[in-house]
Structure formats: C-alpha cells, structure tokens
Amino acid sequence: MLKTKQAALDEITVYEQRVTKAKTAWKNRDHDRFAPVREVLRNMCAGNSRCMYCEDSAADEIEHVRPKSLYPE
C-alpha cells in the first residue's frame, strides 16, 4: 500500500503540486494504522517521552524526520 501511494506522488513532476498532494494524503491517512507505530515510538523514549529527532515535541510524531513541505516524497 505504501509503495502504491509513493508511486502516485513520484508521478507528479511539479514540486508544488507534489507537496500539495503529499499534505492532502497525510491529512487523510488512516490514523488507526499508525497507532502501533506511535506506541513503539513512545516505548523507545525514556523519561518524559520527547521526540528523539527534535527533542521538542511529544514522541508520537510519525512524519518528523523530514518535513513533508520540503520532502513530499
């Protein structure tokens, strides 16, 4: 499923359109599918469960390594 969604984004050659499509896809994602991932992230963090990438937000951000606005793929 992820490969199919990625392939659809990869077909878009205009950067701005790609960003818009990626943001829309992320906003409309199936939140229930991400619950196990969020649980793993929370368990990996010690103490107050801060994000391991930025150490600023809660440790439940799935898409936090590279922002969709700069990396829509």
PDB file of N, CA and C in Angstrom:
ATOM      1  N   MET A   1       0.819  -1.190   0.000  1.00  0.00           N
ATOM      2  CA  MET A   1       0.000   0.000   0.000  1.00  0.00           C
ATOM      3  C   MET A   1       0.865   1.258   0.000  1.00  0.00           C
ATOM      4  N   LEU A   2       1.912   1.280   0.813  1.00  0.00           N
ATOM      5  CA  LEU A   2       2.783   2.446   0.862  1.00  0.00           C
ATOM      6  C   LEU A   2       3.488   2.663  -0.472  1.00  0.00           C
ATOM      7  N   LYS A   3       3.916   1.577  -1.114  1.00  0.00           N
ATOM      8  CA  LYS A   3       4.583   1.701  -2.412  1.00  0.00           C
ATOM      9  C   LYS A   3       3.649   2.305  -3.453  1.00  0.00           C
ATOM     10  N   THR A   4       2.387   1.932  -3.404  1.00  0.00           N
ATOM     11  CA  THR A   4       1.405   2.475  -4.337  1.00  0.00           C
ATOM     12  C   THR A   4       1.214   3.965  -4.117  1.00  0.00           C
ATOM     13  N   LYS A   5       1.097   4.358  -2.862  1.00  0.00           N
ATOM     14  CA  LYS A   5       0.931   5.781  -2.544  1.00  0.00           C
ATOM     15  C   LYS A   5       2.175   6.574  -2.940  1.00  0.00           C
ATOM     16  N   GLN A   6       3.360   6.008  -2.695  1.00  0.00           N
ATOM     17  CA  GLN A   6       4.603   6.678  -3.066  1.00  0.00           C
ATOM     18  C   GLN A   6       4.708   6.815  -4.577  1.00  0.00           C
ATOM     19  N   ALA A   7       4.321   5.775  -5.308  1.00  0.00           N
ATOM     20  CA  ALA A   7       4.375   5.817  -6.768  1.00  0.00           C
ATOM     21  C   ALA A   7       3.482   6.924  -7.318  1.00  0.00           C
ATOM     22  N   ALA A   8       2.323   7.120  -6.707  1.00  0.00           N
ATOM     23  CA  ALA A   8       1.418   8.187  -7.143  1.00  0.00           C
ATOM     24  C   ALA A   8       2.064   9.556  -6.942  1.00  0.00           C
ATOM     25  N   LEU A   9       2.764   9.739  -5.839  1.00  0.00           N
ATOM     26  CA  LEU A   9       3.468  11.007  -5.603  1.00  0.00           C
ATOM     27  C   LEU A   9       4.635  11.173  -6.569  1.00  0.00           C
ATOM     28  N   ASP A  10       5.353  10.101  -6.830  1.00  0.00           N
ATOM     29  CA  ASP A  10       6.515  10.163  -7.711  1.00  0.00           C
ATOM     30  C   ASP A  10       6.145  10.551  -9.137  1.00  0.00           C
ATOM     31  N   GLU A  11       4.919  10.282  -9.544  1.00  0.00           N
ATOM     32  CA  GLU A  11       4.473  10.622 -10.896  1.00  0.00           C
ATOM     33  C   GLU A  11       4.263  12.117 -11.078  1.00  0.00           C
ATOM     34  N   ILE A  12       4.112  12.849 -10.000  1.00  0.00           N
ATOM     35  CA  ILE A  12       3.875  14.295 -10.079  1.00  0.00           C
ATOM     36  C   ILE A  12       5.218  14.991 -10.250  1.00  0.00           C
ATOM     37  N   THR A  13       5.377  15.706 -11.358  1.00  0.00           N
ATOM     38  CA  THR A  13       6.668  16.326 -11.650  1.00  0.00           C
ATOM     39  C   THR A  13       6.777  17.763 -11.152  1.00  0.00           C
ATOM     40  N   VAL A  14       5.663  18.442 -10.962  1.00  0.00           N
ATOM     41  CA  VAL A  14       5.689  19.826 -10.476  1.00  0.00           C
ATOM     42  C   VAL A  14       5.769  19.798  -8.954  1.00  0.00           C
ATOM     43  N   TYR A  15       6.853  20.372  -8.419  1.00  0.00           N
ATOM     44  CA  TYR A  15       7.140  20.291  -6.985  1.00  0.00           C
ATOM     45  C   TYR A  15       5.975  20.772  -6.126  1.00  0.00           C
ATOM     46  N   GLU A  16       5.416  21.929  -6.442  1.00  0.00           N
ATOM     47  CA  GLU A  16       4.334  22.485  -5.633  1.00  0.00           C
ATOM     48  C   GLU A  16       3.122  21.561  -5.603  1.00  0.00           C
ATOM     49  N   GLN A  17       2.814  20.946  -6.737  1.00  0.00           N
ATOM     50  CA  GLN A  17       1.693  20.008  -6.800  1.00  0.00           C
ATOM     51  C   GLN A  17       1.993  18.755  -5.976  1.00  0.00           C
ATOM     52  N   ARG A  18       3.246  18.348  -5.997  1.00  0.00           N
ATOM     53  CA  ARG A  18       3.658  17.172  -5.227  1.00  0.00           C
ATOM     54  C   ARG A  18       3.505  17.434  -3.732  1.00  0.00           C
ATOM     55  N   VAL A  19       3.908  18.620  -3.298  1.00  0.00           N
ATOM     56  CA  VAL A  19       3.776  18.997  -1.886  1.00  0.00           C
ATOM     57  C   VAL A  19       2.309  19.012  -1.484  1.00  0.00           C
ATOM     58  N   THR A  20       1.474  19.621  -2.306  1.00  0.00           N
ATOM     59  CA  THR A  20       0.039  19.690  -2.010  1.00  0.00           C
ATOM     60  C   THR A  20      -0.558  18.295  -1.901  1.00  0.00           C
ATOM     61  N   LYS A  21      -0.220  17.420  -2.833  1.00  0.00           N
ATOM     62  CA  LYS A  21      -0.736  16.045  -2.820  1.00  0.00           C
ATOM     63  C   LYS A  21      -0.251  15.297  -1.576  1.00  0.00           C
ATOM     64  N   ALA A  22       1.019  15.477  -1.207  1.00  0.00           N
ATOM     65  CA  ALA A  22       1.564  14.799  -0.024  1.00  0.00           C
ATOM     66  C   ALA A  22       0.863  15.276   1.242  1.00  0.00           C
ATOM     67  N   LYS A  23       0.637  16.574   1.350  1.00  0.00           N
ATOM     68  CA  LYS A  23      -0.047  17.120   2.530  1.00  0.00           C
ATOM     69  C   LYS A  23      -1.472  16.588   2.623  1.00  0.00           C
ATOM     70  N   THR A  24      -2.159  16.535   1.495  1.00  0.00           N
ATOM     71  CA  THR A  24      -3.529  16.023   1.483  1.00  0.00           C
ATOM     72  C   THR A  24      -3.554  14.549   1.872  1.00  0.00           C
ATOM     73  N   ALA A  25      -2.637  13.777   1.322  1.00  0.00           N
ATOM     74  CA  ALA A  25      -2.578  12.346   1.645  1.00  0.00           C
ATOM     75  C   ALA A  25      -2.294  12.139   3.124  1.00  0.00           C
ATOM     76  N   TRP A  26      -1.397  12.931   3.686  1.00  0.00           N
ATOM     77  CA  TRP A  26      -1.054  12.786   5.111  1.00  0.00           C
ATOM     78  C   TRP A  26      -2.244  13.167   5.981  1.00  0.00           C
ATOM     79  N   LYS A  27      -2.938  14.234   5.609  1.00  0.00           N
ATOM     80  CA  LYS A  27      -4.095  14.680   6.387  1.00  0.00           C
ATOM     81  C   LYS A  27      -5.210  13.634   6.373  1.00  0.00           C
ATOM     82  N   ASN A  28      -5.338  12.916   5.282  1.00  0.00           N
ATOM     83  CA  ASN A  28      -6.413  11.934   5.125  1.00  0.00           C
ATOM     84  C   ASN A  28      -5.989  10.508   5.465  1.00  0.00           C
ATOM     85  N   ARG A  29      -4.845  10.337   6.098  1.00  0.00           N
ATOM     86  CA  ARG A  29      -4.333   8.997   6.406  1.00  0.00           C
ATOM     87  C   ARG A  29      -5.246   8.263   7.388  1.00  0.00           C
ATOM     88  N   ASP A  30      -5.058   6.972   7.450  1.00  0.00           N
ATOM     89  CA  ASP A  30      -5.800   6.116   8.376  1.00  0.00           C
ATOM     90  C   ASP A  30      -5.093   6.150   9.733  1.00  0.00           C
ATOM     91  N   HIS A  31      -5.629   6.914  10.666  1.00  0.00           N
ATOM     92  CA  HIS A  31      -4.991   7.112  11.972  1.00  0.00           C
ATOM     93  C   HIS A  31      -4.839   5.802  12.756  1.00  0.00           C
ATOM     94  N   ASP A  32      -5.766   4.888  12.598  1.00  0.00           N
ATOM     95  CA  ASP A  32      -5.693   3.622  13.334  1.00  0.00           C
ATOM     96  C   ASP A  32      -4.466   2.802  12.947  1.00  0.00           C
ATOM     97  N   ARG A  33      -4.045   2.894  11.692  1.00  0.00           N
ATOM     98  CA  ARG A  33      -2.870   2.139  11.247  1.00  0.00           C
ATOM     99  C   ARG A  33      -1.587   2.648  11.894  1.00  0.00           C
ATOM    100  N   PHE A  34      -1.582   3.901  12.311  1.00  0.00           N
ATOM    101  CA  PHE A  34      -0.383   4.479  12.907  1.00  0.00           C
ATOM    102  C   PHE A  34      -0.314   4.274  14.414  1.00  0.00           C
ATOM    103  N   ALA A  35      -1.366   3.795  15.027  1.00  0.00           N
ATOM    104  CA  ALA A  35      -1.383   3.603  16.486  1.00  0.00           C
ATOM    105  C   ALA A  35      -0.246   2.699  16.963  1.00  0.00           C
ATOM    106  N   PRO A  36       0.003   1.552  16.326  1.00  0.00           N
ATOM    107  CA  PRO A  36       1.113   0.707  16.788  1.00  0.00           C
ATOM    108  C   PRO A  36       2.476   1.393  16.638  1.00  0.00           C
ATOM    109  N   VAL A  37       2.635   2.186  15.592  1.00  0.00           N
ATOM    110  CA  VAL A  37       3.900   2.896  15.387  1.00  0.00           C
ATOM    111  C   VAL A  37       4.104   3.926  16.487  1.00  0.00           C
ATOM    112  N   ARG A  38       3.051   4.657  16.808  1.00  0.00           N
ATOM    113  CA  ARG A  38       3.143   5.651  17.886  1.00  0.00           C
ATOM    114  C   ARG A  38       3.486   4.985  19.224  1.00  0.00           C
ATOM    115  N   GLU A  39       2.916   3.830  19.462  1.00  0.00           N
ATOM    116  CA  GLU A  39       3.194   3.108  20.707  1.00  0.00           C
ATOM    117  C   GLU A  39       4.669   2.708  20.783  1.00  0.00           C
ATOM    118  N   VAL A  40       5.211   2.232  19.682  1.00  0.00           N
ATOM    119  CA  VAL A  40       6.633   1.869  19.648  1.00  0.00           C
ATOM    120  C   VAL A  40       7.499   3.101  19.899  1.00  0.00           C
ATOM    121  N   LEU A  41       7.163   4.214  19.267  1.00  0.00           N
ATOM    122  CA  LEU A  41       7.931   5.447  19.479  1.00  0.00           C
ATOM    123  C   LEU A  41       7.891   5.872  20.945  1.00  0.00           C
ATOM    124  N   ARG A  42       6.724   5.803  21.556  1.00  0.00           N
ATOM    125  CA  ARG A  42       6.607   6.165  22.977  1.00  0.00           C
ATOM    126  C   ARG A  42       7.456   5.243  23.850  1.00  0.00           C
ATOM    127  N   ASN A  43       7.452   3.962  23.544  1.00  0.00           N
ATOM    128  CA  ASN A  43       8.229   2.999  24.327  1.00  0.00           C
ATOM    129  C   ASN A  43       9.733   3.170  24.149  1.00  0.00           C
ATOM    130  N   MET A  44      10.147   3.700  23.023  1.00  0.00           N
ATOM    131  CA  MET A  44      11.570   3.905  22.769  1.00  0.00           C
ATOM    132  C   MET A  44      12.127   5.107  23.526  1.00  0.00           C
ATOM    133  N   CYS A  45      11.255   6.007  23.925  1.00  0.00           N
ATOM    134  CA  CYS A  45      11.694   7.233  24.598  1.00  0.00           C
ATOM    135  C   CYS A  45      11.697   7.038  26.106  1.00  0.00           C
ATOM    136  N   ALA A  46      12.741   7.514  26.708  1.00  0.00           N
ATOM    137  CA  ALA A  46      12.827   7.426  28.167  1.00  0.00           C
ATOM    138  C   ALA A  46      12.327   8.726  28.792  1.00  0.00           C
ATOM    139  N   GLY A  47      12.019   8.674  30.045  1.00  0.00           N
ATOM    140  CA  GLY A  47      11.650   9.888  30.773  1.00  0.00           C
ATOM    141  C   GLY A  47      10.351  10.497  30.320  1.00  0.00           C
ATOM    142  N   ASN A  48      10.418  11.737  29.883  1.00  0.00           N
ATOM    143  CA  ASN A  48       9.193  12.477  29.573  1.00  0.00           C
ATOM    144  C   ASN A  48       8.692  12.288  28.143  1.00  0.00           C
ATOM    145  N   SER A  49       9.177  11.289  27.440  1.00  0.00           N
ATOM    146  CA  SER A  49       8.690  10.921  26.100  1.00  0.00           C
ATOM    147  C   SER A  49       8.762  12.063  25.099  1.00  0.00           C
ATOM    148  N   ARG A  50       9.918  12.649  24.961  1.00  0.00           N
ATOM    149  CA  ARG A  50      10.120  13.696  23.964  1.00  0.00           C
ATOM    150  C   ARG A  50      10.561  13.076  22.646  1.00  0.00           C
ATOM    151  N   CYS A  51      10.325  13.769  21.571  1.00  0.00           N
ATOM    152  CA  CYS A  51      10.701  13.315  20.238  1.00  0.00           C
ATOM    153  C   CYS A  51      12.212  13.088  20.164  1.00  0.00           C
ATOM    154  N   MET A  52      12.618  11.942  19.600  1.00  0.00           N
ATOM    155  CA  MET A  52      14.047  11.634  19.505  1.00  0.00           C
ATOM    156  C   MET A  52      14.743  12.446  18.425  1.00  0.00           C
ATOM    157  N   TYR A  53      13.983  13.058  17.530  1.00  0.00           N
ATOM    158  CA  TYR A  53      14.587  13.833  16.452  1.00  0.00           C
ATOM    159  C   TYR A  53      14.791  15.284  16.859  1.00  0.00           C
ATOM    160  N   CYS A  54      13.762  15.913  17.384  1.00  0.00           N
ATOM    161  CA  CYS A  54      13.872  17.332  17.723  1.00  0.00           C
ATOM    162  C   CYS A  54      13.932  17.575  19.228  1.00  0.00           C
ATOM    163  N   GLU A  55      13.579  16.594  20.010  1.00  0.00           N
ATOM    164  CA  GLU A  55      13.534  16.675  21.473  1.00  0.00           C
ATOM    165  C   GLU A  55      12.626  17.797  21.969  1.00  0.00           C
ATOM    166  N   ASP A  56      11.716  18.229  21.120  1.00  0.00           N
ATOM    167  CA  ASP A  56      10.840  19.332  21.489  1.00  0.00           C
ATOM    168  C   ASP A  56       9.381  18.905  21.595  1.00  0.00           C
ATOM    169  N   SER A  57       8.920  18.076  20.672  1.00  0.00           N
ATOM    170  CA  SER A  57       7.513  17.675  20.684  1.00  0.00           C
ATOM    171  C   SER A  57       7.360  16.297  21.323  1.00  0.00           C
ATOM    172  N   ALA A  58       6.119  15.891  21.481  1.00  0.00           N
ATOM    173  CA  ALA A  58       5.837  14.573  22.058  1.00  0.00           C
ATOM    174  C   ALA A  58       6.361  13.482  21.131  1.00  0.00           C
ATOM    175  N   ALA A  59       6.680  12.345  21.687  1.00  0.00           N
ATOM    176  CA  ALA A  59       7.271  11.241  20.919  1.00  0.00           C
ATOM    177  C   ALA A  59       6.210  10.421  20.207  1.00  0.00           C
ATOM    178  N   ASP A  60       5.325  11.079  19.497  1.00  0.00           N
ATOM    179  CA  ASP A  60       4.303  10.349  18.749  1.00  0.00           C
ATOM    180  C   ASP A  60       4.185  10.858  17.319  1.00  0.00           C
ATOM    181  N   GLU A  61       5.163  11.624  16.880  1.00  0.00           N
ATOM    182  CA  GLU A  61       5.144  12.151  15.520  1.00  0.00           C
ATOM    183  C   GLU A  61       5.756  11.134  14.569  1.00  0.00           C
ATOM    184  N   ILE A  62       4.974  10.664  13.619  1.00  0.00           N
ATOM    185  CA  ILE A  62       5.433   9.659  12.673  1.00  0.00           C
ATOM    186  C   ILE A  62       6.293  10.307  11.589  1.00  0.00           C
ATOM    187  N   GLU A  63       5.921  11.468  11.143  1.00  0.00           N
ATOM    188  CA  GLU A  63       6.482  12.122   9.968  1.00  0.00           C
ATOM    189  C   GLU A  63       7.479  13.197  10.376  1.00  0.00           C
ATOM    190  N   HIS A  64       8.236  13.004  11.387  1.00  0.00           N
ATOM    191  CA  HIS A  64       9.014  14.100  11.940  1.00  0.00           C
ATOM    192  C   HIS A  64      10.460  14.162  11.469  1.00  0.00           C
ATOM    193  N   VAL A  65      10.954  13.158  10.761  1.00  0.00           N
ATOM    194  CA  VAL A  65      12.352  13.156  10.352  1.00  0.00           C
ATOM    195  C   VAL A  65      12.604  14.244   9.319  1.00  0.00           C
ATOM    196  N   ARG A  66      11.805  14.259   8.267  1.00  0.00           N
ATOM    197  CA  ARG A  66      11.934  15.277   7.227  1.00  0.00           C
ATOM    198  C   ARG A  66      10.545  15.838   6.950  1.00  0.00           C
ATOM    199  N   PRO A  67      10.375  17.137   7.038  1.00  0.00           N
ATOM    200  CA  PRO A  67       9.051  17.731   6.848  1.00  0.00           C
ATOM    201  C   PRO A  67       8.509  17.508   5.432  1.00  0.00           C
ATOM    202  N   LYS A  68       7.229  17.197   5.333  1.00  0.00           N
ATOM    203  CA  LYS A  68       6.590  16.983   4.032  1.00  0.00           C
ATOM    204  C   LYS A  68       6.693  18.209   3.153  1.00  0.00           C
ATOM    205  N   SER A  69       6.710  19.401   3.756  1.00  0.00           N
ATOM    206  CA  SER A  69       6.751  20.621   2.961  1.00  0.00           C
ATOM    207  C   SER A  69       8.042  20.739   2.152  1.00  0.00           C
ATOM    208  N   LEU A  70       9.125  20.147   2.633  1.00  0.00           N
ATOM    209  CA  LEU A  70      10.390  20.179   1.902  1.00  0.00           C
ATOM    210  C   LEU A  70      10.677  18.882   1.172  1.00  0.00           C
ATOM    211  N   TYR A  71      10.138  17.772   1.678  1.00  0.00           N
ATOM    212  CA  TYR A  71      10.384  16.447   1.105  1.00  0.00           C
ATOM    213  C   TYR A  71       9.057  15.734   0.885  1.00  0.00           C
ATOM    214  N   PRO A  72       8.328  16.071  -0.176  1.00  0.00           N
ATOM    215  CA  PRO A  72       6.992  15.496  -0.367  1.00  0.00           C
ATOM    216  C   PRO A  72       6.990  14.043  -0.800  1.00  0.00           C
ATOM    217  N   GLU A  73       8.138  13.447  -1.054  1.00  0.00           N
ATOM    218  CA  GLU A  73       8.125  12.046  -1.486  1.00  0.00           C
ATOM    219  C   GLU A  73       7.881  11.097  -0.349  1.00  0.00           C
TER     220      GLU A  73
END
